[in-house]
C-alpha atoms as a PDB file:
ATOM      1  CA  MET A   1      48.147  33.181  81.966  1.00  0.00           C
ATOM      2  CA  LYS A   2      44.593  34.172  82.877  1.00  0.00           C
ATOM      3  CA  LYS A   3      44.938  37.435  80.972  1.00  0.00           C
ATOM      4  CA  ILE A   4      46.066  35.661  77.821  1.00  0.00           C
ATOM      5  CA  ALA A   5      43.219  33.151  78.102  1.00  0.00           C
ATOM      6  CA  ALA A   6      40.735  35.961  78.694  1.00  0.00           C
ATOM      7  CA  GLU A   7      41.947  37.835  75.609  1.00  0.00           C
ATOM      8  CA  ILE A   8      41.608  34.714  73.453  1.00  0.00           C
ATOM      9  CA  VAL A   9      38.093  34.062  74.770  1.00  0.00           C
ATOM     10  CA  SER A  10      37.174  37.715  74.223  1.00  0.00           C
ATOM     11  CA  ILE A  11      38.202  37.680  70.564  1.00  0.00           C
ATOM     12  CA  ALA A  12      36.535  34.306  69.939  1.00  0.00           C
ATOM     13  CA  LEU A  13      33.324  35.458  71.597  1.00  0.00           C
ATOM     14  CA  GLN A  14      33.167  38.642  69.550  1.00  0.00           C
ATOM     15  CA  MET A  15      33.635  36.669  66.351  1.00  0.00           C
ATOM     16  CA  LEU A  16      30.967  34.144  67.350  1.00  0.00           C
ATOM     17  CA  ILE A  17      28.397  36.796  68.295  1.00  0.00           C
ATOM     18  CA  ARG A  18      28.987  38.737  65.085  1.00  0.00           C
ATOM     19  CA  ALA A  19      28.741  35.572  62.991  1.00  0.00           C
ATOM     20  CA  LEU A  20      25.487  34.463  64.634  1.00  0.00           C
ATOM     21  CA  THR A  21      23.702  37.806  64.908  1.00  0.00           C
ATOM     22  CA  ALA A  22      25.453  40.246  62.547  1.00  0.00           C
ATOM     23  CA  VAL A  23      25.080  42.671  65.443  1.00  0.00           C
ATOM     24  CA  ARG A  24      25.754  46.288  64.610  1.00  0.00           C
ATOM     25  CA  GLY A  25      25.706  49.452  66.642  1.00  0.00           C
ATOM     26  CA  ILE A  26      23.566  52.360  65.401  1.00  0.00           C
ATOM     27  CA  TRP A  27      24.321  55.777  66.884  1.00  0.00           C
ATOM     28  CA  VAL A  28      21.375  58.195  66.705  1.00  0.00           C
ATOM     29  CA  GLY A  29      21.886  61.751  67.938  1.00  0.00           C
ATOM     30  CA  VAL A  30      25.051  60.701  69.743  1.00  0.00           C
ATOM     31  CA  ALA A  31      28.583  59.724  68.727  1.00  0.00           C
ATOM     32  CA  PRO A  32      30.793  57.038  70.253  1.00  0.00           C
ATOM     33  CA  GLU A  33      33.250  58.829  72.518  1.00  0.00           C
ATOM     34  CA  ASP A  34      36.079  57.527  74.653  1.00  0.00           C
ATOM     35  CA  LYS A  35      34.905  58.969  77.950  1.00  0.00           C
ATOM     36  CA  PRO A  36      33.139  57.593  81.026  1.00  0.00           C
ATOM     37  CA  ARG A  37      29.429  57.089  80.355  1.00  0.00           C
ATOM     38  CA  ILE A  38      26.652  54.841  81.507  1.00  0.00           C
ATOM     39  CA  TYR A  39      24.813  52.798  78.882  1.00  0.00           C
ATOM     40  CA  TYR A  40      21.348  51.827  80.118  1.00  0.00           C
ATOM     41  CA  ALA A  41      19.379  49.237  78.174  1.00  0.00           C
ATOM     42  CA  ASN A  42      16.307  47.042  77.988  1.00  0.00           C
ATOM     43  CA  HIS A  43      16.718  43.610  79.542  1.00  0.00           C
ATOM     44  CA  THR A  44      15.340  40.409  77.992  1.00  0.00           C
ATOM     45  CA  SER A  45      18.211  37.915  78.329  1.00  0.00           C
ATOM     46  CA  ASN A  46      21.337  37.142  80.335  1.00  0.00           C
ATOM     47  CA  GLY A  47      23.199  37.712  77.073  1.00  0.00           C
ATOM     48  CA  ASP A  48      22.121  41.356  76.780  1.00  0.00           C
ATOM     49  CA  PHE A  49      25.336  42.991  77.898  1.00  0.00           C
ATOM     50  CA  VAL A  50      27.390  40.772  75.587  1.00  0.00           C
ATOM     51  CA  LEU A  51      25.647  42.244  72.534  1.00  0.00           C
ATOM     52  CA  ILE A  52      26.155  45.813  73.749  1.00  0.00           C
ATOM     53  CA  TRP A  53      29.785  45.103  74.621  1.00  0.00           C
ATOM     54  CA  THR A  54      30.414  43.527  71.208  1.00  0.00           C
ATOM     55  CA  SER A  55      28.788  46.391  69.293  1.00  0.00           C
ATOM     56  CA  LEU A  56      30.961  49.098  70.897  1.00  0.00           C
ATOM     57  CA  PRO A  57      34.110  50.316  69.084  1.00  0.00           C
ATOM     58  CA  ALA A  58      37.202  48.471  70.338  1.00  0.00           C
ATOM     59  CA  ASP A  59      38.757  51.423  72.196  1.00  0.00           C
ATOM     60  CA  ILE A  60      35.493  52.049  74.064  1.00  0.00           C
ATOM     61  CA  ARG A  61      34.747  48.364  74.649  1.00  0.00           C
ATOM     62  CA  ARG A  62      38.048  47.913  76.490  1.00  0.00           C
ATOM     63  CA  LYS A  63      36.982  50.563  79.024  1.00  0.00           C
ATOM     64  CA  THR A  64      33.341  49.506  79.397  1.00  0.00           C
ATOM     65  CA  ARG A  65      32.202  47.196  82.194  1.00  0.00           C
ATOM     66  CA  PRO A  66      28.798  45.548  82.620  1.00  0.00           C
ATOM     67  CA  VAL A  67      27.157  45.694  86.031  1.00  0.00           C
ATOM     68  CA  ALA A  68      26.177  42.106  86.810  1.00  0.00           C
ATOM     69  CA  ALA A  69      24.666  40.008  89.595  1.00  0.00           C
ATOM     70  CA  ALA A  70      27.385  38.093  91.428  1.00  0.00           C
ATOM     71  CA  ASP A  71      25.011  35.335  92.574  1.00  0.00           C
ATOM     72  CA  TYR A  72      24.140  34.431  88.957  1.00  0.00           C
ATOM     73  CA  TRP A  73      27.654  34.601  87.493  1.00  0.00           C
ATOM     74  CA  PHE A  74      29.341  32.789  90.384  1.00  0.00           C
ATOM     75  CA  LYS A  75      27.278  29.617  89.891  1.00  0.00           C
ATOM     76  CA  SER A  76      30.086  27.916  87.959  1.00  0.00           C
ATOM     77  CA  LYS A  77      33.808  28.355  87.376  1.00  0.00           C
ATOM     78  CA  THR A  78      33.216  29.029  83.672  1.00  0.00           C
ATOM     79  CA  ARG A  79      30.731  31.819  84.335  1.00  0.00           C
ATOM     80  CA  ARG A  80      32.977  33.320  86.988  1.00  0.00           C
ATOM     81  CA  PHE A  81      35.975  33.330  84.652  1.00  0.00           C
ATOM     82  CA  ALA A  82      33.917  34.993  81.924  1.00  0.00           C
ATOM     83  CA  VAL A  83      32.434  37.718  84.097  1.00  0.00           C
ATOM     84  CA  GLU A  84      35.632  38.515  86.008  1.00  0.00           C
ATOM     85  CA  GLU A  85      38.393  37.993  83.459  1.00  0.00           C
ATOM     86  CA  VAL A  86      36.752  38.486  80.044  1.00  0.00           C
ATOM     87  CA  PHE A  87      34.163  41.185  80.800  1.00  0.00           C
ATOM     88  CA  ASN A  88      35.734  42.689  83.945  1.00  0.00           C
ATOM     89  CA  ALA A  89      32.236  43.247  85.304  1.00  0.00           C
ATOM     90  CA  VAL A  90      31.281  45.321  88.309  1.00  0.00           C
ATOM     91  CA  LEU A  91      29.741  42.574  90.420  1.00  0.00           C
ATOM     92  CA  ILE A  92      26.804  43.358  92.667  1.00  0.00           C
ATOM     93  CA  ASP A  93      25.519  41.163  95.474  1.00  0.00           C
ATOM     94  CA  ARG A  94      21.738  41.427  95.178  1.00  0.00           C
ATOM     95  CA  ASN A  95      21.316  40.252  98.772  1.00  0.00           C
ATOM     96  CA  LYS A  96      21.830  43.377 100.848  1.00  0.00           C
ATOM     97  CA  ASP A  97      22.463  41.322 103.991  1.00  0.00           C
ATOM     98  CA  ASN A  98      25.550  39.731 102.430  1.00  0.00           C
ATOM     99  CA  ARG A  99      27.242  42.977 101.411  1.00  0.00           C
ATOM    100  CA  GLN A 100      30.441  43.993 103.141  1.00  0.00           C
ATOM    101  CA  GLU A 101      31.573  47.555 103.763  1.00  0.00           C
ATOM    102  CA  GLY A 102      32.308  49.295 100.461  1.00  0.00           C
ATOM    103  CA  GLU A 103      30.074  46.963  98.444  1.00  0.00           C
ATOM    104  CA  ASP A 104      27.165  49.353  97.965  1.00  0.00           C
ATOM    105  CA  PRO A 105      26.242  49.168  94.245  1.00  0.00           C
ATOM    106  CA  VAL A 106      26.365  52.936  93.715  1.00  0.00           C
ATOM    107  CA  ASP A 107      29.784  53.144  95.404  1.00  0.00           C
ATOM    108  CA  LEU A 108      31.178  50.287  93.269  1.00  0.00           C
ATOM    109  CA  MET A 109      29.869  51.888  90.079  1.00  0.00           C
ATOM    110  CA  THR A 110      31.222  55.299  91.080  1.00  0.00           C
ATOM    111  CA  ALA A 111      34.659  53.813  91.751  1.00  0.00           C
ATOM    112  CA  ALA A 112      34.704  52.335  88.225  1.00  0.00           C
ATOM    113  CA  LEU A 113      33.670  55.672  86.734  1.00  0.00           C
ATOM    114  CA  GLN A 114      36.439  57.476  88.612  1.00  0.00           C
ATOM    115  CA  GLN A 115      38.927  55.083  87.009  1.00  0.00           C
ATOM    116  CA  GLY A 116      37.822  56.301  83.573  1.00  0.00           C
ATOM    117  CA  GLN A 117      35.524  53.374  82.820  1.00  0.00           C
ATOM    118  CA  SER A 118      32.014  53.294  81.374  1.00  0.00           C
ATOM    119  CA  LEU A 119      29.223  51.014  82.600  1.00  0.00           C
ATOM    120  CA  ILE A 120      26.399  48.939  81.144  1.00  0.00           C
ATOM    121  CA  ILE A 121      23.305  48.649  83.342  1.00  0.00           C
ATOM    122  CA  PHE A 122      19.712  47.427  83.076  1.00  0.00           C
ATOM    123  CA  PRO A 123      17.448  49.715  85.113  1.00  0.00           C
ATOM    124  CA  GLU A 124      14.454  47.375  84.869  1.00  0.00           C
ATOM    125  CA  GLY A 125      16.352  45.257  87.387  1.00  0.00           C
ATOM    126  CA  LYS A 126      15.260  41.933  85.950  1.00  0.00           C
ATOM    127  CA  ARG A 127      14.614  40.306  82.588  1.00  0.00           C
ATOM    128  CA  ASN A 128      11.414  41.472  80.967  1.00  0.00           C
ATOM    129  CA  GLN A 129       9.351  38.354  80.263  1.00  0.00           C
ATOM    130  CA  THR A 130       6.064  40.219  79.836  1.00  0.00           C
ATOM    131  CA  GLU A 131       4.269  41.618  76.792  1.00  0.00           C
ATOM    132  CA  GLU A 132       5.301  45.134  77.810  1.00  0.00           C
ATOM    133  CA  LYS A 133       8.128  46.686  75.800  1.00  0.00           C
ATOM    134  CA  LEU A 134       9.832  48.041  78.886  1.00  0.00           C
ATOM    135  CA  LEU A 135       9.270  47.534  82.603  1.00  0.00           C
ATOM    136  CA  GLU A 136       9.250  50.355  85.129  1.00  0.00           C
ATOM    137  CA  PHE A 137      12.751  51.478  86.095  1.00  0.00           C
ATOM    138  CA  ARG A 138      14.198  50.896  89.515  1.00  0.00           C
ATOM    139  CA  THR A 139      15.935  53.781  91.236  1.00  0.00           C
ATOM    140  CA  GLY A 140      19.619  52.831  90.864  1.00  0.00           C
ATOM    141  CA  LEU A 141      20.206  54.891  87.707  1.00  0.00           C
ATOM    142  CA  TYR A 142      18.889  58.027  89.419  1.00  0.00           C
ATOM    143  CA  HIS A 143      20.989  57.546  92.559  1.00  0.00           C
ATOM    144  CA  PHE A 144      24.128  56.897  90.534  1.00  0.00           C
ATOM    145  CA  LEU A 145      23.702  60.053  88.439  1.00  0.00           C
ATOM    146  CA  ARG A 146      22.833  62.118  91.492  1.00  0.00           C
ATOM    147  CA  ASN A 147      26.186  61.050  92.992  1.00  0.00           C
ATOM    148  CA  ASN A 148      27.975  61.753  89.696  1.00  0.00           C
ATOM    149  CA  PRO A 149      26.666  65.078  88.316  1.00  0.00           C
ATOM    150  CA  GLY A 150      27.103  65.668  84.603  1.00  0.00           C
ATOM    151  CA  VAL A 151      27.687  62.036  83.637  1.00  0.00           C
ATOM    152  CA  GLU A 152      25.876  61.093  80.428  1.00  0.00           C
ATOM    153  CA  ALA A 153      23.427  58.198  80.444  1.00  0.00           C
ATOM    154  CA  ILE A 154      23.102  56.743  76.941  1.00  0.00           C
ATOM    155  CA  PRO A 155      19.763  54.999  76.204  1.00  0.00           C
ATOM    156  CA  THR A 156      20.571  51.710  74.464  1.00  0.00           C
ATOM    157  CA  TRP A 157      17.893  49.619  72.775  1.00  0.00           C
ATOM    158  CA  ILE A 158      18.604  45.959  71.983  1.00  0.00           C
ATOM    159  CA  GLU A 159      16.436  44.663  69.148  1.00  0.00           C
ATOM    160  CA  ASN A 160      15.658  40.938  68.658  1.00  0.00           C
ATOM    161  CA  LEU A 161      17.889  39.518  71.397  1.00  0.00           C
ATOM    162  CA  ASN A 162      14.970  37.761  73.071  1.00  0.00           C
ATOM    163  CA  ARG A 163      14.689  35.671  69.912  1.00  0.00           C
ATOM    164  CA  VAL A 164      18.436  35.117  69.662  1.00  0.00           C
ATOM    165  CA  LEU A 165      18.942  33.803  73.178  1.00  0.00           C
ATOM    166  CA  PRO A 166      15.472  32.707  74.324  1.00  0.00           C
ATOM    167  CA  LYS A 167      15.196  31.509  77.890  1.00  0.00           C
ATOM    168  CA  GLY A 168      16.034  27.841  78.323  1.00  0.00           C
ATOM    169  CA  THR A 169      18.113  27.459  75.149  1.00  0.00           C
ATOM    170  CA  LEU A 170      21.752  26.395  75.182  1.00  0.00           C
ATOM    171  CA  LEU A 171      22.791  27.666  71.756  1.00  0.00           C
ATOM    172  CA  PRO A 172      21.973  31.006  70.128  1.00  0.00           C
ATOM    173  CA  ILE A 173      19.656  31.082  67.126  1.00  0.00           C
ATOM    174  CA  PRO A 174      21.237  33.017  64.219  1.00  0.00           C
ATOM    175  CA  LEU A 175      19.287  36.234  63.704  1.00  0.00           C
ATOM    176  CA  ILE A 176      20.184  39.797  62.781  1.00  0.00           C
ATOM    177  CA  CYS A 177      20.357  42.088  65.816  1.00  0.00           C
ATOM    178  CA  THR A 178      20.857  45.780  66.288  1.00  0.00           C
ATOM    179  CA  VAL A 179      21.940  47.848  69.262  1.00  0.00           C
ATOM    180  CA  THR A 180      20.772  51.453  68.974  1.00  0.00           C
ATOM    181  CA  PHE A 181      22.414  54.187  71.053  1.00  0.00           C
ATOM    182  CA  GLY A 182      20.382  57.361  71.556  1.00  0.00           C
ATOM    183  CA  PRO A 183      20.967  60.964  72.665  1.00  0.00           C
ATOM    184  CA  PRO A 184      22.504  61.375  76.137  1.00  0.00           C
ATOM    185  CA  VAL A 185      20.289  61.851  79.168  1.00  0.00           C
ATOM    186  CA  VAL A 186      21.743  63.949  81.998  1.00  0.00           C
ATOM    187  CA  LEU A 187      20.180  64.416  85.411  1.00  0.00           C
ATOM    188  CA  GLU A 188      19.078  68.025  85.640  1.00  0.00           C
ATOM    189  CA  ARG A 189      19.722  70.132  88.693  1.00  0.00           C
ATOM    190  CA  ARG A 190      16.967  69.629  91.283  1.00  0.00           C
ATOM    191  CA  GLU A 191      15.186  67.149  89.023  1.00  0.00           C
ATOM    192  CA  THR A 192      13.063  64.758  91.062  1.00  0.00           C
ATOM    193  CA  LYS A 193      13.599  61.021  91.011  1.00  0.00           C
ATOM    194  CA  LYS A 194      10.153  60.401  89.576  1.00  0.00           C
ATOM    195  CA  ARG A 195      10.561  62.913  86.749  1.00  0.00           C
ATOM    196  CA  PHE A 196      14.042  61.759  85.810  1.00  0.00           C
ATOM    197  CA  LEU A 197      13.174  58.060  85.708  1.00  0.00           C
ATOM    198  CA  ALA A 198      10.087  58.783  83.595  1.00  0.00           C
ATOM    199  CA  ARG A 199      12.187  60.849  81.188  1.00  0.00           C
ATOM    200  CA  ALA A 200      14.943  58.216  80.924  1.00  0.00           C
ATOM    201  CA  HIS A 201      12.301  55.517  80.380  1.00  0.00           C
ATOM    202  CA  ALA A 202      10.659  57.555  77.625  1.00  0.00           C
ATOM    203  CA  GLU A 203      13.976  58.135  75.837  1.00  0.00           C
ATOM    204  CA  LEU A 204      14.611  54.396  75.663  1.00  0.00           C
ATOM    205  CA  LEU A 205      11.113  53.731  74.339  1.00  0.00           C
ATOM    206  CA  LYS A 206      11.703  56.317  71.589  1.00  0.00           C
ATOM    207  CA  LEU A 207      14.499  54.100  70.255  1.00  0.00           C
ATOM    208  CA  ALA A 208      12.195  51.077  70.328  1.00  0.00           C
ATOM    209  CA  ASP A 209       9.525  52.993  68.410  1.00  0.00           C
ATOM    210  CA  MET A 210      12.121  54.087  65.872  1.00  0.00           C
ATOM    211  CA  GLN A 211      13.023  50.433  65.277  1.00  0.00           C
ATOM    212  CA  ASP A 212       9.338  49.574  64.852  1.00  0.00           C
ATOM    213  CA  ARG A 213       8.854  52.350  62.284  1.00  0.00           C
ATOM    214  CA  GLY A 214      11.930  51.163  60.403  1.00  0.00           C
ATOM    215  CA  ARG A 215      10.384  47.709  59.951  1.00  0.00           C
ATOM    216  CA  SER A 216       7.003  49.004  58.771  1.00  0.00           C
END
């Protein structure tokens, strides 16, 4: 029964998001492929992963799981149903002291990858509520790719979402959105953490700059 309900909610949510935002995926220097990848994106709203998820082709969307904070999504039964049954998220406990054996974030993400699934993550680690386009990346993306050599990280820039789901609002404001997927980033052999994170950060900013040039 839960699976049927989740499928109905999934279809309804996709229709609602498309109607409100006209969201479309733009693939630049990369093609959508049905293989395990990690999509890393800018983070301005709790609705970020929903836009990415909606903009993916159906066959890829079914195998793509957002990485989400359990403490936020477990605050109500509705949220918990959505994150577990509709989005099938990889849930991370942000409080290290509460984690049980086998609940290390990198291990949970690796397990999903080994099952043929892709992931959506936000390496800034928190919503960007500053004037900066992109906050400094935390180290999780590097550690995950170091444990999974050869996996492609796809930079994913969400444009206009902060105006679609501004903090404190209950209903989305209709506005055209785009999700731009850029060329894959792969951790090079012996590449340092500092160099890789700077390179991955720069690749995501390139997509943002491309959006800016397109509006000018």
